[in-house]
Amino acid sequence: MKTGAYTVESIENGQVKLLYRKDELIEELLPVASFDFAIKEGDLISIQLKDGKRCITYLQKETEDVKAYVKSLREQLLNRKQQ
């Protein structure tokens, strides 16, 4: 598994599907039990190696920034349709 930022693509049957942010063709599956925090689709996380162990961190600011950007795009599209 590559270290770096991932997007939570989906959560099904106890498995979390992650897309590597630098190349979203790279997918990883992890059990939900790998996360010591609540996750949901669209969240951004960081996976790093520390002392040979995988360390998973929730990227709150980055997640909020992406969600705000998507909301802005959606509003722009809706406004275009109304004009």
Protein backbone atom coordinates (compact mmCIF):
# COMPACT_ATOMS: atom_id res chain seq x y z
CA MET A 1 0.00 0.00 0.00
CA LYS A 2 1.29 3.44 -0.95
CA THR A 3 1.63 6.09 1.72
CA GLY A 4 -0.22 9.36 1.22
CA ALA A 5 -3.75 10.72 0.96
CA TYR A 6 -6.76 8.58 0.04
CA THR A 7 -10.46 9.23 -0.53
CA VAL A 8 -13.03 6.90 1.05
CA GLU A 9 -14.89 5.77 -2.08
CA SER A 10 -17.32 3.34 -0.46
CA ILE A 11 -17.99 1.21 2.61
CA GLU A 12 -19.60 -2.18 1.98
CA ASN A 13 -19.68 -5.51 3.79
CA GLY A 14 -17.20 -4.34 6.42
CA GLN A 15 -14.68 -3.21 3.78
CA VAL A 16 -13.57 0.33 3.01
CA LYS A 17 -12.64 1.04 -0.62
CA LEU A 18 -9.99 3.75 -0.85
CA LEU A 19 -8.81 5.68 -3.91
CA TYR A 20 -5.25 7.00 -3.88
CA ARG A 21 -5.47 10.80 -4.38
CA LYS A 22 -2.44 11.08 -6.68
CA ASP A 23 -3.76 8.37 -9.01
CA GLU A 24 -7.39 7.38 -8.50
CA LEU A 25 -6.88 4.28 -10.61
CA ILE A 26 -5.11 2.82 -7.55
CA GLU A 27 -7.65 1.24 -5.21
CA GLU A 28 -7.07 -0.30 -1.79
CA LEU A 29 -9.42 -2.26 0.47
CA LEU A 30 -9.16 -2.16 4.24
CA PRO A 31 -11.44 -3.62 6.90
CA VAL A 32 -13.56 -1.05 8.74
CA ALA A 33 -11.87 -2.28 11.93
CA SER A 34 -8.60 -0.69 10.66
CA PHE A 35 -10.00 2.74 11.51
CA ASP A 36 -10.08 4.02 15.09
CA PHE A 37 -12.41 6.86 14.08
CA ALA A 38 -15.76 7.05 12.30
CA ILE A 39 -15.50 7.30 8.52
CA LYS A 40 -17.96 7.92 5.73
CA GLU A 41 -17.88 8.12 1.96
CA GLY A 42 -16.04 11.18 0.69
CA ASP A 43 -13.74 11.51 3.70
CA LEU A 44 -10.05 12.06 3.09
CA ILE A 45 -7.51 10.12 5.10
CA SER A 46 -3.75 9.87 5.25
CA ILE A 47 -1.89 6.57 5.47
CA GLN A 48 1.70 6.70 6.70
CA LEU A 49 4.17 4.15 8.04
CA LYS A 50 5.58 4.77 11.52
CA ASP A 51 7.99 2.24 13.00
CA GLY A 52 6.82 -0.28 10.40
CA LYS A 53 3.16 0.09 11.38
CA ARG A 54 0.38 1.63 9.30
CA CYS A 55 -0.91 4.89 10.80
CA ILE A 56 -4.27 6.16 9.49
CA THR A 57 -5.27 9.77 10.12
CA TYR A 58 -8.50 11.59 9.27
CA LEU A 59 -7.79 14.73 7.20
CA GLN A 60 -10.55 16.99 8.55
CA LYS A 61 -9.52 20.28 6.94
CA GLU A 62 -8.88 18.70 3.54
CA THR A 63 -12.23 16.87 3.71
CA GLU A 64 -14.06 20.09 4.56
CA ASP A 65 -12.27 21.97 1.77
CA VAL A 66 -13.22 19.37 -0.85
CA LYS A 67 -16.83 19.28 0.32
CA ALA A 68 -17.05 23.10 0.18
CA TYR A 69 -15.59 23.07 -3.34
CA VAL A 70 -18.09 20.45 -4.53
CA LYS A 71 -20.96 22.38 -2.95
CA SER A 72 -19.81 25.54 -4.75
CA LEU A 73 -19.67 23.73 -8.10
CA ARG A 74 -23.13 22.27 -7.54
CA GLU A 75 -24.55 25.73 -6.77
CA GLN A 76 -22.94 27.17 -9.90
CA LEU A 77 -24.50 24.44 -12.03
CA LEU A 78 -27.92 24.94 -10.48
CA ASN A 79 -27.70 28.70 -11.01
CA ARG A 80 -26.86 28.17 -14.71
CA LYS A 81 -29.91 25.99 -15.20
CA GLN A 82 -32.17 28.63 -13.62
CA GLN A 83 -30.97 31.44 -15.89
